[in-house]
């Protein structure tokens, strides 16, 4: 896979998810492509996007540089950089993290469109690029256990594997640890 990064300075994961889907659709990425978000902590904290595509997916660099043409984004691929320097540097960091398989929150990945409703964990592991499901604060999910996807599944790269963190809903039922619409901190006591 060949990795690229794009950074438009998005402030939230929701905005970055939207950008990831927009990039995948606009560039007509192949089924094997993986698009991730990455928290950028240097400079002004924000979220960048990386994408990995199979070799030979031509013209992608030219398409990505169009995002950077108006000075509102930075893109990176290999040793190439384009756009605002600080955003291009963050885009490069996101691409490197993705390529190393040690960071990035996958938004678009092989099989991601199938992850709706409630599915057996075995289907998640056999029909998608997710290679492992881990439970936070609970038992390890078995193949016959159910995953209530809440239509929002965001696995992360860990040591070269796409890993989904889940939490127990009740016996034999799990849900992704990341919730689709988190309540902002202090909303009820500000």
Protein backbone atom coordinates (compact mmCIF):
# COMPACT_ATOMS: atom_id res chain seq x y z
CA UNK A 1 0.00 0.00 0.00
CA UNK A 2 1.07 3.57 -0.66
CA UNK A 3 0.28 6.14 2.04
CA UNK A 4 -0.64 9.80 1.71
CA UNK A 5 -1.74 12.44 4.18
CA UNK A 6 -4.09 15.39 3.95
CA UNK A 7 -4.61 18.04 6.58
CA UNK A 8 -7.25 20.75 6.36
CA UNK A 9 -6.94 21.72 10.02
CA UNK A 10 -10.18 20.04 11.06
CA UNK A 11 -10.87 20.55 14.76
CA UNK A 12 -13.07 17.55 15.58
CA UNK A 13 -13.22 13.85 14.86
CA UNK A 14 -16.67 14.36 13.33
CA UNK A 15 -15.25 16.91 10.84
CA UNK A 16 -12.34 14.59 10.10
CA UNK A 17 -14.73 11.64 9.55
CA UNK A 18 -16.63 13.79 7.07
CA UNK A 19 -13.37 14.68 5.29
CA UNK A 20 -12.36 10.98 5.19
CA UNK A 21 -15.64 10.02 3.51
CA UNK A 22 -15.41 13.00 1.16
CA UNK A 23 -11.86 12.07 0.11
CA UNK A 24 -12.84 8.41 -0.44
CA UNK A 25 -15.82 9.38 -2.60
CA UNK A 26 -14.17 12.22 -4.50
CA UNK A 27 -11.07 10.20 -5.35
CA UNK A 28 -13.10 7.02 -6.01
CA UNK A 29 -10.75 5.02 -3.83
CA UNK A 30 -10.65 1.26 -4.45
CA UNK A 31 -12.25 -1.23 -2.05
CA UNK A 32 -8.85 -2.08 -0.50
CA UNK A 33 -8.16 1.55 0.47
CA UNK A 34 -7.95 2.54 4.13
CA UNK A 35 -8.67 6.11 5.27
CA UNK A 36 -7.78 7.08 8.85
CA UNK A 37 -7.85 10.07 11.15
CA UNK A 38 -4.91 11.13 13.32
CA UNK A 39 -4.79 13.50 16.28
CA UNK A 40 -2.16 16.18 15.68
CA UNK A 41 -0.78 17.56 18.91
CA UNK A 42 1.95 19.84 17.57
CA UNK A 43 1.09 23.47 16.98
CA UNK A 44 -2.65 24.04 17.21
CA UNK A 45 -4.22 20.64 18.08
CA UNK A 46 -6.40 19.26 15.28
CA UNK A 47 -7.11 16.13 13.23
CA UNK A 48 -5.42 15.06 9.98
CA UNK A 49 -6.38 12.28 7.56
CA UNK A 50 -4.24 9.56 6.00
CA UNK A 51 -5.06 7.19 3.18
CA UNK A 52 -3.44 3.99 2.01
CA UNK A 53 -4.10 2.74 -1.51
CA UNK A 54 -2.85 -0.24 -3.51
CA UNK A 55 0.21 0.43 -5.68
CA UNK A 56 -0.58 1.69 -9.14
CA UNK A 57 -3.60 3.74 -8.17
CA UNK A 58 -2.61 6.47 -10.63
CA UNK A 59 -3.12 10.19 -10.45
CA UNK A 60 -3.78 10.32 -6.73
CA UNK A 61 -1.01 12.80 -5.92
CA UNK A 62 -2.35 15.26 -8.50
CA UNK A 63 -5.85 14.95 -7.06
CA UNK A 64 -4.60 15.46 -3.51
CA UNK A 65 -2.67 18.60 -4.40
CA UNK A 66 -5.96 20.16 -5.52
CA UNK A 67 -6.96 20.21 -1.85
CA UNK A 68 -3.87 22.30 -1.17
CA UNK A 69 -4.19 24.72 -4.12
CA UNK A 70 -6.01 27.46 -2.22
CA UNK A 71 -3.71 27.46 0.80
CA UNK A 72 -6.24 25.93 3.16
CA UNK A 73 -4.69 22.46 3.35
CA UNK A 74 -1.46 20.54 3.27
CA UNK A 75 -0.83 17.18 1.64
CA UNK A 76 2.04 14.72 1.74
CA UNK A 77 3.05 11.53 0.00
CA UNK A 78 6.47 9.87 0.10
CA UNK A 79 8.89 12.78 0.07
CA UNK A 80 6.42 15.15 -1.63
CA UNK A 81 4.74 18.01 0.20
CA UNK A 82 2.26 20.60 -1.05
CA UNK A 83 0.20 23.39 0.49
CA UNK A 84 0.59 25.14 3.82
CA UNK A 85 3.90 23.93 5.28
CA UNK A 86 2.64 23.28 8.84
CA UNK A 87 -0.37 21.33 7.52
CA UNK A 88 1.77 19.44 4.98
CA UNK A 89 4.12 18.44 7.82
CA UNK A 90 1.20 17.17 9.91
CA UNK A 91 -0.14 15.33 6.84
CA UNK A 92 3.27 13.68 6.45
CA UNK A 93 3.23 12.61 10.11
CA UNK A 94 -0.24 11.09 9.65
CA UNK A 95 0.88 9.21 6.52
CA UNK A 96 3.98 7.87 8.29
CA UNK A 97 1.97 6.74 11.32
CA UNK A 98 -0.51 4.96 9.03
CA UNK A 99 2.23 3.33 6.97
CA UNK A 100 3.94 2.05 10.13
CA UNK A 101 0.63 0.56 11.32
CA UNK A 102 1.05 2.05 14.78
CA UNK A 103 -1.53 4.81 14.76
CA UNK A 104 -4.65 6.04 13.07
CA UNK A 105 -8.36 5.59 13.58
CA UNK A 106 -9.86 3.88 10.51
CA UNK A 107 -13.01 5.46 9.07
CA UNK A 108 -13.06 3.82 5.62
CA UNK A 109 -11.57 0.34 5.30
CA UNK A 110 -12.32 -2.94 3.53
CA UNK A 111 -15.71 -4.12 4.77
CA UNK A 112 -16.55 -0.94 6.69
CA UNK A 113 -19.77 -0.44 4.72
CA UNK A 114 -21.00 -3.83 6.00
CA UNK A 115 -20.78 -2.80 9.65
CA UNK A 116 -24.35 -1.75 10.33
CA UNK A 117 -26.85 -3.02 12.85
CA UNK A 118 -25.95 -6.01 14.99
CA UNK A 119 -23.51 -8.63 13.77
CA UNK A 120 -21.70 -11.67 15.18
CA UNK A 121 -18.09 -10.85 16.08
CA UNK A 122 -17.04 -13.64 13.68
CA UNK A 123 -18.57 -11.67 10.77
CA UNK A 124 -16.65 -8.56 11.79
CA UNK A 125 -13.40 -10.52 11.73
CA UNK A 126 -14.04 -12.45 8.51
CA UNK A 127 -15.78 -9.81 6.39
CA UNK A 128 -13.70 -6.73 7.20
CA UNK A 129 -10.09 -5.63 7.59
CA UNK A 130 -10.46 -5.72 11.39
CA UNK A 131 -8.15 -8.45 12.68
CA UNK A 132 -8.86 -8.30 16.41
CA UNK A 133 -11.61 -7.21 18.79
CA UNK A 134 -10.57 -6.28 22.34
CA UNK A 135 -12.81 -5.48 25.28
CA UNK A 136 -12.11 -2.57 27.58
CA UNK A 137 -12.91 -3.56 31.15
CA UNK A 138 -14.72 -6.77 30.30
CA UNK A 139 -14.43 -10.29 28.94
CA UNK A 140 -12.89 -10.99 25.55
CA UNK A 141 -15.66 -11.22 22.92
CA UNK A 142 -16.14 -14.67 21.42
CA UNK A 143 -16.95 -15.37 17.77
CA UNK A 144 -20.63 -15.99 18.59
CA UNK A 145 -21.01 -12.83 20.68
CA UNK A 146 -22.85 -9.93 19.07
CA UNK A 147 -21.57 -6.47 18.17
CA UNK A 148 -24.15 -3.67 18.17
CA UNK A 149 -22.31 -1.41 15.71
CA UNK A 150 -24.46 1.68 16.34
CA UNK A 151 -23.49 2.26 12.69
CA UNK A 152 -20.21 3.76 13.93
CA UNK A 153 -17.18 1.45 13.94
CA UNK A 154 -13.71 3.04 14.21
CA UNK A 155 -10.91 0.50 14.72
CA UNK A 156 -7.35 1.70 15.31
CA UNK A 157 -3.99 0.58 14.01
CA UNK A 158 -1.96 -1.19 16.73
CA UNK A 159 1.27 -2.99 15.92
CA UNK A 160 0.26 -3.46 12.29
CA UNK A 161 -3.25 -4.77 13.07
CA UNK A 162 -6.60 -3.05 12.73
CA UNK A 163 -8.04 -3.49 16.24
CA UNK A 164 -11.56 -2.63 17.40
CA UNK A 165 -11.99 -1.67 21.06
CA UNK A 166 -15.40 -2.59 22.44
CA UNK A 167 -17.29 -2.41 25.71
CA UNK A 168 -19.81 -4.82 27.19
CA UNK A 169 -23.48 -3.87 26.80
CA UNK A 170 -24.62 -7.04 28.59
CA UNK A 171 -23.79 -10.73 28.51
CA UNK A 172 -22.73 -11.72 25.00
CA UNK A 173 -23.36 -8.26 23.52
CA UNK A 174 -20.77 -5.60 22.85
CA UNK A 175 -20.62 -2.15 21.27
CA UNK A 176 -17.71 -0.12 19.91
CA UNK A 177 -16.02 1.80 22.71
CA UNK A 178 -16.19 5.01 20.67
CA UNK A 179 -19.72 6.37 20.66
CA UNK A 180 -21.09 8.03 17.51
CA UNK A 181 -22.28 11.29 19.08
CA UNK A 182 -20.42 11.93 22.32
CA UNK A 183 -21.77 14.54 24.69
CA UNK A 184 -19.29 17.43 24.88
CA UNK A 185 -17.60 17.85 28.24
CA UNK A 186 -19.31 20.28 30.61
CA UNK A 187 -22.47 20.54 28.49
CA UNK A 188 -24.69 19.83 31.47
CA UNK A 189 -22.80 21.77 34.11
CA UNK A 190 -21.15 24.69 32.39
